[in-house]
Amino acid sequence: IANPMVVLNDGQSAIDYLSGQGPFADRSEHPLPGLVLLDIKLPLRTGFEVLNWIRSDAHTRAMIVVILTTSSETIDIDAAYRLGANSYLVKPPGPGSLLELTKNLKLYWLETNRGPSLS
């Protein structure tokens, strides 16, 4: 993926990044992403809490959010869509399958799909 990728390890850091708080205040260094891959099982704030925050904030509510998690539970899938996820993907068990999923994700969300302007 040619686009810059930012990896954050907990839900609170994700919210801080997306809101431009603390160490992420400089938008030239920390721009809003065109796509958010979100795991629902995050420390500090869950992925559901992050998704709910994204959809409630005027600057991020149109952002594309893809849930990428290990849970295939119907309750989690339904909750993600109810909160406004654009897609829900279950992480495959092996690295080869994960690579294939990543290629498909890139092809659709970053090359084919036309997302909203967030500026």
Protein backbone atom coordinates (compact mmCIF):
# COMPACT_ATOMS: atom_id res chain seq x y z
CA ILE A 1 0.00 0.00 0.00
CA ALA A 2 1.59 3.23 -1.17
CA ASN A 3 -0.42 5.46 1.15
CA PRO A 4 1.15 6.26 4.51
CA MET A 5 -0.09 3.84 7.15
CA VAL A 6 -0.41 4.66 10.83
CA VAL A 7 -0.73 1.85 13.36
CA LEU A 8 -2.09 2.66 16.80
CA ASN A 9 -2.23 0.09 19.57
CA ASP A 10 -5.30 1.15 21.52
CA GLY A 11 -8.66 2.76 21.03
CA GLN A 12 -7.87 5.93 22.96
CA SER A 13 -4.82 6.60 20.77
CA ALA A 14 -7.04 6.13 17.71
CA ILE A 15 -9.49 8.74 18.98
CA ASP A 16 -6.65 11.09 19.91
CA TYR A 17 -5.17 10.71 16.41
CA LEU A 18 -8.49 11.23 14.62
CA SER A 19 -9.38 14.23 16.78
CA GLY A 20 -5.91 15.77 16.44
CA GLN A 21 -5.27 15.76 20.18
CA GLY A 22 -1.96 15.76 22.05
CA PRO A 23 0.98 14.46 20.00
CA PHE A 24 -1.27 14.23 16.91
CA ALA A 25 -2.24 17.94 16.83
CA ASP A 26 -0.22 18.79 13.70
CA ARG A 27 -2.42 17.72 10.78
CA SER A 28 0.45 18.18 8.29
CA GLU A 29 2.28 15.40 10.14
CA HIS A 30 -0.83 13.44 11.14
CA PRO A 31 -3.44 13.84 8.38
CA LEU A 32 -6.87 12.24 8.55
CA PRO A 33 -6.84 8.82 6.88
CA GLY A 34 -8.86 7.95 3.80
CA LEU A 35 -9.56 4.51 5.28
CA VAL A 36 -9.66 3.22 8.86
CA LEU A 37 -9.07 -0.47 9.58
CA LEU A 38 -10.45 -1.06 13.03
CA ASP A 39 -10.21 -4.07 15.32
CA ILE A 40 -13.08 -4.33 17.79
CA LYS A 41 -10.84 -5.86 20.47
CA LEU A 42 -8.66 -2.91 21.46
CA PRO A 43 -7.36 -1.93 24.89
CA LEU A 44 -8.48 1.27 26.68
CA ARG A 45 -11.38 1.96 24.27
CA THR A 46 -12.95 -0.82 22.19
CA GLY A 47 -13.26 -0.65 18.43
CA PHE A 48 -17.01 -0.15 18.92
CA GLU A 49 -16.32 2.92 21.06
CA VAL A 50 -13.92 4.26 18.43
CA LEU A 51 -16.46 3.65 15.65
CA ASN A 52 -19.19 5.35 17.68
CA TRP A 53 -16.86 8.34 18.23
CA ILE A 54 -16.00 8.50 14.50
CA ARG A 55 -19.68 8.57 13.51
CA SER A 56 -20.53 11.21 16.12
CA ASP A 57 -17.82 13.69 15.10
CA ALA A 58 -18.57 16.13 12.25
CA HIS A 59 -15.01 15.91 10.83
CA THR A 60 -14.86 12.12 10.69
CA ARG A 61 -18.44 10.87 10.36
CA ALA A 62 -18.13 10.23 6.59
CA MET A 63 -14.81 8.40 6.99
CA ILE A 64 -14.63 4.88 5.58
CA VAL A 65 -14.30 2.38 8.42
CA VAL A 66 -13.63 -1.29 7.79
CA ILE A 67 -13.76 -3.60 10.77
CA LEU A 68 -10.94 -6.16 10.56
CA THR A 69 -11.14 -8.50 13.53
CA THR A 70 -11.02 -12.10 14.67
CA SER A 71 -14.65 -12.23 15.80
CA SER A 72 -17.20 -13.86 13.51
CA GLU A 73 -19.94 -13.55 16.13
CA THR A 74 -23.26 -12.33 14.73
CA ILE A 75 -23.70 -9.99 17.70
CA ASP A 76 -20.40 -8.23 16.86
CA ILE A 77 -21.17 -8.03 13.14
CA ASP A 78 -24.63 -6.58 13.82
CA ALA A 79 -23.24 -4.08 16.34
CA ALA A 80 -20.57 -2.90 13.90
CA TYR A 81 -23.09 -2.23 11.14
CA ARG A 82 -25.54 -0.64 13.56
CA LEU A 83 -22.78 1.77 14.60
CA GLY A 84 -22.01 2.64 10.97
CA ALA A 85 -19.20 0.36 9.77
CA ASN A 86 -18.79 0.31 6.00
CA SER A 87 -17.58 -3.28 5.98
CA TYR A 88 -16.86 -6.14 8.38
CA LEU A 89 -14.05 -8.58 7.65
CA VAL A 90 -12.91 -11.53 9.74
CA LYS A 91 -9.16 -12.01 9.86
CA PRO A 92 -8.26 -15.31 8.18
CA PRO A 93 -6.20 -17.84 10.14
CA GLY A 94 -3.07 -18.00 7.98
CA PRO A 95 -0.61 -15.39 6.68
CA GLY A 96 -1.24 -16.34 3.03
CA SER A 97 -4.97 -15.80 3.43
CA LEU A 98 -4.36 -12.52 5.25
CA LEU A 99 -2.15 -11.33 2.38
CA GLU A 100 -4.92 -12.18 -0.12
CA LEU A 101 -7.50 -10.35 1.99
CA THR A 102 -5.18 -7.32 2.19
CA LYS A 103 -4.76 -7.27 -1.59
CA ASN A 104 -8.53 -7.38 -2.08
CA LEU A 105 -9.04 -4.70 0.54
CA LYS A 106 -6.51 -2.45 -1.20
CA LEU A 107 -8.02 -3.10 -4.63
CA TYR A 108 -11.55 -2.26 -3.55
CA TRP A 109 -11.23 0.45 -0.88
CA LEU A 110 -8.10 2.28 -2.08
CA GLU A 111 -8.18 1.81 -5.86
CA THR A 112 -11.77 1.17 -6.99
CA ASN A 113 -14.02 2.83 -4.42
CA ARG A 114 -14.40 6.61 -4.38
CA GLY A 115 -14.66 7.83 -0.81
CA PRO A 116 -15.92 11.11 0.58
CA SER A 117 -13.83 14.27 0.88
CA LEU A 118 -12.92 14.80 4.51
CA SER A 119 -11.56 18.32 4.16
